[in-house]
Amino acid sequence: MSGQIKRLNRQLKFKGNIIDFYQDTMEIDGDHTVVWDFIKHKGAAAVVPVTDDGRILMVRQYRNALERYTLEVPAGALDQEDESGIVCAGRELEEETGYKSVDLDWLITLRTTVAFCNERIEVYVARNLIPSKQHLDEDEFIDLKAYTIDELKEKIFSGEIQDAKTVSALLAYDTKYGKKE
């Protein structure tokens, strides 16, 4: 097992709207160097919105990377790296679903692709939803629908839901609250 890993250089190759792509020159055990890719992400938050009858609000939206529609928990990027996850989750809840909540509880923290990206997603559960108004970005087109957790687990295990943050959020929610609510 290698013991000493040291970054010698980090070079920005592409600056994007969501991510920055770097190449890192790394020294391994003081005797050779390798180049590793690194993607810097400012972070995100997601929310599991639970209705009074225990169903979960999900958003259906087109994802260009997959060239298809996906079913996901509401989520979005932090406005700034130092924005708190709970503030972002509350904002995304209202923007994407048209509901607010002052009852947001932390559920889990996710690191999506640790091999080459530092993205961190804080996931919250929202209860006592208050009707408001959607505030979609100009490039967002979202359909909203409520499901039971059992319906969503069926969609996970059939392969219909593959989004990692959504799978993690829903299974964590079910594990923590499934038989209690």
C-alpha atoms as a PDB file:
ATOM      1  CA  MET A   1       0.000   0.000   0.000  1.00  0.00           C
ATOM      2  CA  SER A   2       1.313   3.417  -0.918  1.00  0.00           C
ATOM      3  CA  GLY A   3       1.911   5.696   1.980  1.00  0.00           C
ATOM      4  CA  GLN A   4       2.896   9.064   0.581  1.00  0.00           C
ATOM      5  CA  ILE A   5       0.755  10.948  -1.927  1.00  0.00           C
ATOM      6  CA  LYS A   6       1.466  14.608  -2.603  1.00  0.00           C
ATOM      7  CA  ARG A   7      -0.068  17.048  -5.070  1.00  0.00           C
ATOM      8  CA  LEU A   8       2.653  18.823  -7.036  1.00  0.00           C
ATOM      9  CA  ASN A   9       0.398  20.889  -9.290  1.00  0.00           C
ATOM     10  CA  ARG A  10      -3.257  21.589 -10.018  1.00  0.00           C
ATOM     11  CA  GLN A  11      -4.049  23.060 -13.417  1.00  0.00           C
ATOM     12  CA  LEU A  12      -7.471  24.427 -14.375  1.00  0.00           C
ATOM     13  CA  LYS A  13      -8.437  22.972 -17.771  1.00  0.00           C
ATOM     14  CA  PHE A  14     -12.055  24.159 -18.005  1.00  0.00           C
ATOM     15  CA  LYS A  15     -14.205  26.542 -15.960  1.00  0.00           C
ATOM     16  CA  GLY A  16     -17.916  25.800 -16.287  1.00  0.00           C
ATOM     17  CA  ASN A  17     -21.193  27.030 -14.847  1.00  0.00           C
ATOM     18  CA  ILE A  18     -21.579  24.029 -12.540  1.00  0.00           C
ATOM     19  CA  ILE A  19     -18.149  22.425 -12.395  1.00  0.00           C
ATOM     20  CA  ASP A  20     -14.488  23.269 -12.872  1.00  0.00           C
ATOM     21  CA  PHE A  21     -12.233  20.620 -14.406  1.00  0.00           C
ATOM     22  CA  TYR A  22      -8.618  20.322 -13.244  1.00  0.00           C
ATOM     23  CA  GLN A  23      -5.688  18.031 -13.871  1.00  0.00           C
ATOM     24  CA  ASP A  24      -3.618  17.277 -10.802  1.00  0.00           C
ATOM     25  CA  THR A  25       0.001  16.136 -11.016  1.00  0.00           C
ATOM     26  CA  MET A  26       0.547  13.806  -8.078  1.00  0.00           C
ATOM     27  CA  GLU A  27       3.726  12.355  -6.621  1.00  0.00           C
ATOM     28  CA  ILE A  28       3.419   8.789  -5.337  1.00  0.00           C
ATOM     29  CA  ASP A  29       5.878   7.588  -2.678  1.00  0.00           C
ATOM     30  CA  GLY A  30       8.411  10.159  -3.818  1.00  0.00           C
ATOM     31  CA  ASP A  31       9.471   8.106  -6.842  1.00  0.00           C
ATOM     32  CA  HIS A  32       6.947   8.658  -9.643  1.00  0.00           C
ATOM     33  CA  THR A  33       4.253  11.053 -10.781  1.00  0.00           C
ATOM     34  CA  VAL A  34       0.769  10.509 -12.192  1.00  0.00           C
ATOM     35  CA  VAL A  35      -1.915  12.812 -13.551  1.00  0.00           C
ATOM     36  CA  TRP A  36      -5.365  12.589 -11.988  1.00  0.00           C
ATOM     37  CA  ASP A  37      -8.552  14.323 -13.083  1.00  0.00           C
ATOM     38  CA  PHE A  38     -10.364  16.438 -10.488  1.00  0.00           C
ATOM     39  CA  ILE A  39     -13.782  18.022 -10.814  1.00  0.00           C
ATOM     40  CA  LYS A  40     -14.590  20.801  -8.364  1.00  0.00           C
ATOM     41  CA  HIS A  41     -18.276  21.262  -7.524  1.00  0.00           C
ATOM     42  CA  LYS A  42     -19.586  23.958  -5.177  1.00  0.00           C
ATOM     43  CA  GLY A  43     -22.054  21.550  -3.564  1.00  0.00           C
ATOM     44  CA  ALA A  44     -25.780  20.955  -3.545  1.00  0.00           C
ATOM     45  CA  ALA A  45     -28.767  20.090  -1.407  1.00  0.00           C
ATOM     46  CA  ALA A  46     -31.732  17.805  -1.897  1.00  0.00           C
ATOM     47  CA  VAL A  47     -35.013  17.361  -0.089  1.00  0.00           C
ATOM     48  CA  VAL A  48     -37.499  14.548   0.499  1.00  0.00           C
ATOM     49  CA  PRO A  49     -40.831  16.424   0.669  1.00  0.00           C
ATOM     50  CA  VAL A  50     -43.387  14.421   2.674  1.00  0.00           C
ATOM     51  CA  THR A  51     -47.074  15.305   2.376  1.00  0.00           C
ATOM     52  CA  ASP A  52     -49.478  15.116   5.326  1.00  0.00           C
ATOM     53  CA  ASP A  53     -50.694  11.708   4.082  1.00  0.00           C
ATOM     54  CA  GLY A  54     -47.088  10.372   4.001  1.00  0.00           C
ATOM     55  CA  ARG A  55     -46.548  10.466   0.250  1.00  0.00           C
ATOM     56  CA  ILE A  56     -43.367  11.918  -1.247  1.00  0.00           C
ATOM     57  CA  LEU A  57     -43.356  14.671  -3.861  1.00  0.00           C
ATOM     58  CA  MET A  58     -41.107  13.843  -6.798  1.00  0.00           C
ATOM     59  CA  VAL A  59     -40.031  15.905  -9.790  1.00  0.00           C
ATOM     60  CA  ARG A  60     -39.873  14.579 -13.327  1.00  0.00           C
ATOM     61  CA  GLN A  61     -37.499  16.490 -15.566  1.00  0.00           C
ATOM     62  CA  TYR A  62     -35.393  16.085 -18.686  1.00  0.00           C
ATOM     63  CA  ARG A  63     -31.707  15.359 -18.105  1.00  0.00           C
ATOM     64  CA  ASN A  64     -29.474  16.152 -21.044  1.00  0.00           C
ATOM     65  CA  ALA A  65     -26.637  13.857 -19.918  1.00  0.00           C
ATOM     66  CA  LEU A  66     -28.983  10.857 -20.102  1.00  0.00           C
ATOM     67  CA  GLU A  67     -31.092  12.174 -22.993  1.00  0.00           C
ATOM     68  CA  ARG A  68     -34.297  11.271 -21.154  1.00  0.00           C
ATOM     69  CA  TYR A  69     -36.663  12.248 -18.374  1.00  0.00           C
ATOM     70  CA  THR A  70     -35.851  11.179 -14.826  1.00  0.00           C
ATOM     71  CA  LEU A  71     -37.817  10.974 -11.585  1.00  0.00           C
ATOM     72  CA  GLU A  72     -35.925  12.632  -8.739  1.00  0.00           C
ATOM     73  CA  VAL A  73     -36.190  14.245  -5.338  1.00  0.00           C
ATOM     74  CA  PRO A  74     -36.017  18.054  -5.640  1.00  0.00           C
ATOM     75  CA  ALA A  75     -32.425  19.278  -5.543  1.00  0.00           C
ATOM     76  CA  GLY A  76     -30.100  21.981  -6.730  1.00  0.00           C
ATOM     77  CA  ALA A  77     -26.694  23.546  -6.450  1.00  0.00           C
ATOM     78  CA  LEU A  78     -25.670  25.869  -3.672  1.00  0.00           C
ATOM     79  CA  ASP A  79     -25.741  29.514  -4.753  1.00  0.00           C
ATOM     80  CA  GLN A  80     -22.264  29.890  -3.198  1.00  0.00           C
ATOM     81  CA  GLU A  81     -19.848  27.390  -1.713  1.00  0.00           C
ATOM     82  CA  ASP A  82     -20.514  28.688   1.803  1.00  0.00           C
ATOM     83  CA  GLU A  83     -24.327  28.574   1.563  1.00  0.00           C
ATOM     84  CA  SER A  84     -25.821  26.200   4.120  1.00  0.00           C
ATOM     85  CA  GLY A  85     -27.449  23.034   2.851  1.00  0.00           C
ATOM     86  CA  ILE A  86     -30.675  23.687   4.736  1.00  0.00           C
ATOM     87  CA  VAL A  87     -31.102  27.113   3.086  1.00  0.00           C
ATOM     88  CA  CYS A  88     -30.492  25.597  -0.344  1.00  0.00           C
ATOM     89  CA  ALA A  89     -32.870  22.690   0.341  1.00  0.00           C
ATOM     90  CA  GLY A  90     -35.636  25.078   1.406  1.00  0.00           C
ATOM     91  CA  ARG A  91     -35.136  27.192  -1.698  1.00  0.00           C
ATOM     92  CA  GLU A  92     -35.113  24.188  -4.044  1.00  0.00           C
ATOM     93  CA  LEU A  93     -38.222  22.772  -2.364  1.00  0.00           C
ATOM     94  CA  GLU A  94     -40.184  25.919  -3.170  1.00  0.00           C
ATOM     95  CA  GLU A  95     -38.638  26.501  -6.607  1.00  0.00           C
ATOM     96  CA  GLU A  96     -39.281  22.977  -7.874  1.00  0.00           C
ATOM     97  CA  THR A  97     -42.444  21.890  -6.038  1.00  0.00           C
ATOM     98  CA  GLY A  98     -44.282  25.087  -5.165  1.00  0.00           C
ATOM     99  CA  TYR A  99     -44.272  24.195  -1.454  1.00  0.00           C
ATOM    100  CA  LYS A 100     -42.426  25.677   1.516  1.00  0.00           C
ATOM    101  CA  SER A 101     -41.590  24.151   4.879  1.00  0.00           C
ATOM    102  CA  VAL A 102     -40.162  25.400   8.149  1.00  0.00           C
ATOM    103  CA  ASP A 103     -39.822  21.759   9.237  1.00  0.00           C
ATOM    104  CA  LEU A 104     -36.610  20.599   7.518  1.00  0.00           C
ATOM    105  CA  ASP A 105     -34.585  17.847   9.184  1.00  0.00           C
ATOM    106  CA  TRP A 106     -31.130  16.694   8.040  1.00  0.00           C
ATOM    107  CA  LEU A 107     -31.206  13.118   6.721  1.00  0.00           C
ATOM    108  CA  ILE A 108     -27.803  12.262   5.162  1.00  0.00           C
ATOM    109  CA  THR A 109     -24.728  13.717   3.475  1.00  0.00           C
ATOM    110  CA  LEU A 110     -23.705  12.259   0.126  1.00  0.00           C
ATOM    111  CA  ARG A 111     -20.432  12.357  -1.797  1.00  0.00           C
ATOM    112  CA  THR A 112     -21.478  11.444  -5.316  1.00  0.00           C
ATOM    113  CA  THR A 113     -18.289  10.361  -7.109  1.00  0.00           C
ATOM    114  CA  VAL A 114     -15.323  10.329  -4.759  1.00  0.00           C
ATOM    115  CA  ALA A 115     -12.849   9.016  -7.352  1.00  0.00           C
ATOM    116  CA  PHE A 116     -12.674  12.353  -9.182  1.00  0.00           C
ATOM    117  CA  CYS A 117     -15.205  14.860  -7.813  1.00  0.00           C
ATOM    118  CA  ASN A 118     -15.687  16.666  -4.494  1.00  0.00           C
ATOM    119  CA  GLU A 119     -19.473  17.156  -4.882  1.00  0.00           C
ATOM    120  CA  ARG A 120     -21.277  17.075  -1.553  1.00  0.00           C
ATOM    121  CA  ILE A 121     -25.075  16.892  -1.283  1.00  0.00           C
ATOM    122  CA  GLU A 122     -26.849  17.542   2.010  1.00  0.00           C
ATOM    123  CA  VAL A 123     -30.243  15.781   2.044  1.00  0.00           C
ATOM    124  CA  TYR A 124     -33.148  16.944   4.208  1.00  0.00           C
ATOM    125  CA  VAL A 125     -36.674  15.754   4.935  1.00  0.00           C
ATOM    126  CA  ALA A 126     -39.421  18.389   4.676  1.00  0.00           C
ATOM    127  CA  ARG A 127     -42.727  17.985   6.496  1.00  0.00           C
ATOM    128  CA  ASN A 128     -45.705  20.250   7.162  1.00  0.00           C
ATOM    129  CA  LEU A 129     -45.635  21.506   3.592  1.00  0.00           C
ATOM    130  CA  ILE A 130     -47.161  24.919   2.952  1.00  0.00           C
ATOM    131  CA  PRO A 131     -48.546  25.638  -0.542  1.00  0.00           C
ATOM    132  CA  SER A 132     -46.625  28.392  -2.307  1.00  0.00           C
ATOM    133  CA  LYS A 133     -45.601  28.875  -5.943  1.00  0.00           C
ATOM    134  CA  GLN A 134     -43.030  27.208  -8.183  1.00  0.00           C
ATOM    135  CA  HIS A 135     -40.133  29.414  -9.281  1.00  0.00           C
ATOM    136  CA  LEU A 136     -38.550  27.402 -12.084  1.00  0.00           C
ATOM    137  CA  ASP A 137     -35.374  28.481 -13.860  1.00  0.00           C
ATOM    138  CA  GLU A 138     -35.879  29.375 -17.513  1.00  0.00           C
ATOM    139  CA  ASP A 139     -34.401  26.025 -18.563  1.00  0.00           C
ATOM    140  CA  GLU A 140     -36.392  23.917 -16.058  1.00  0.00           C
ATOM    141  CA  PHE A 141     -39.541  22.068 -17.041  1.00  0.00           C
ATOM    142  CA  ILE A 142     -40.779  20.005 -14.121  1.00  0.00           C
ATOM    143  CA  ASP A 143     -43.766  17.735 -13.590  1.00  0.00           C
ATOM    144  CA  LEU A 144     -44.685  17.112  -9.954  1.00  0.00           C
ATOM    145  CA  LYS A 145     -46.341  13.980  -8.573  1.00  0.00           C
ATOM    146  CA  ALA A 146     -46.728  12.326  -5.156  1.00  0.00           C
ATOM    147  CA  TYR A 147     -45.857   8.668  -4.535  1.00  0.00           C
ATOM    148  CA  THR A 148     -45.859   6.280  -1.604  1.00  0.00           C
ATOM    149  CA  ILE A 149     -42.457   5.091  -0.439  1.00  0.00           C
ATOM    150  CA  ASP A 150     -43.390   1.559  -1.557  1.00  0.00           C
ATOM    151  CA  GLU A 151     -44.148   2.808  -5.084  1.00  0.00           C
ATOM    152  CA  LEU A 152     -40.790   4.590  -5.140  1.00  0.00           C
ATOM    153  CA  LYS A 153     -38.886   1.545  -3.897  1.00  0.00           C
ATOM    154  CA  GLU A 154     -40.482  -0.487  -6.692  1.00  0.00           C
ATOM    155  CA  LYS A 155     -39.251   2.145  -9.168  1.00  0.00           C
ATOM    156  CA  ILE A 156     -35.739   1.938  -7.680  1.00  0.00           C
ATOM    157  CA  PHE A 157     -35.524  -1.854  -7.827  1.00  0.00           C
ATOM    158  CA  SER A 158     -37.047  -2.047 -11.320  1.00  0.00           C
ATOM    159  CA  GLY A 159     -34.374   0.370 -12.563  1.00  0.00           C
ATOM    160  CA  GLU A 160     -36.776   3.213 -13.366  1.00  0.00           C
ATOM    161  CA  ILE A 161     -35.121   5.450 -10.737  1.00  0.00           C
ATOM    162  CA  GLN A 162     -31.329   5.392 -11.113  1.00  0.00           C
ATOM    163  CA  ASP A 163     -30.290   8.843  -9.895  1.00  0.00           C
ATOM    164  CA  ALA A 164     -27.855   8.212  -7.030  1.00  0.00           C
ATOM    165  CA  LYS A 165     -28.965  11.093  -4.800  1.00  0.00           C
ATOM    166  CA  THR A 166     -32.606  10.063  -5.214  1.00  0.00           C
ATOM    167  CA  VAL A 167     -31.974   6.375  -4.538  1.00  0.00           C
ATOM    168  CA  SER A 168     -29.854   7.232  -1.487  1.00  0.00           C
ATOM    169  CA  ALA A 169     -32.314   9.814  -0.165  1.00  0.00           C
ATOM    170  CA  LEU A 170     -35.378   7.580  -0.533  1.00  0.00           C
ATOM    171  CA  LEU A 171     -33.769   4.477   0.949  1.00  0.00           C
ATOM    172  CA  ALA A 172     -32.310   6.496   3.836  1.00  0.00           C
ATOM    173  CA  TYR A 173     -35.727   8.061   4.455  1.00  0.00           C
ATOM    174  CA  ASP A 174     -37.384   4.624   4.421  1.00  0.00           C
ATOM    175  CA  THR A 175     -34.750   3.187   6.760  1.00  0.00           C
ATOM    176  CA  LYS A 176     -35.004   6.055   9.234  1.00  0.00           C
ATOM    177  CA  TYR A 177     -38.746   6.784   9.116  1.00  0.00           C
ATOM    178  CA  GLY A 178     -40.426   3.950   7.170  1.00  0.00           C
ATOM    179  CA  LYS A 179     -42.244   2.138   9.936  1.00  0.00           C
ATOM    180  CA  LYS A 180     -42.541   5.117  12.296  1.00  0.00           C
ATOM    181  CA  GLU A 181     -44.747   7.355  10.142  1.00  0.00           C
END
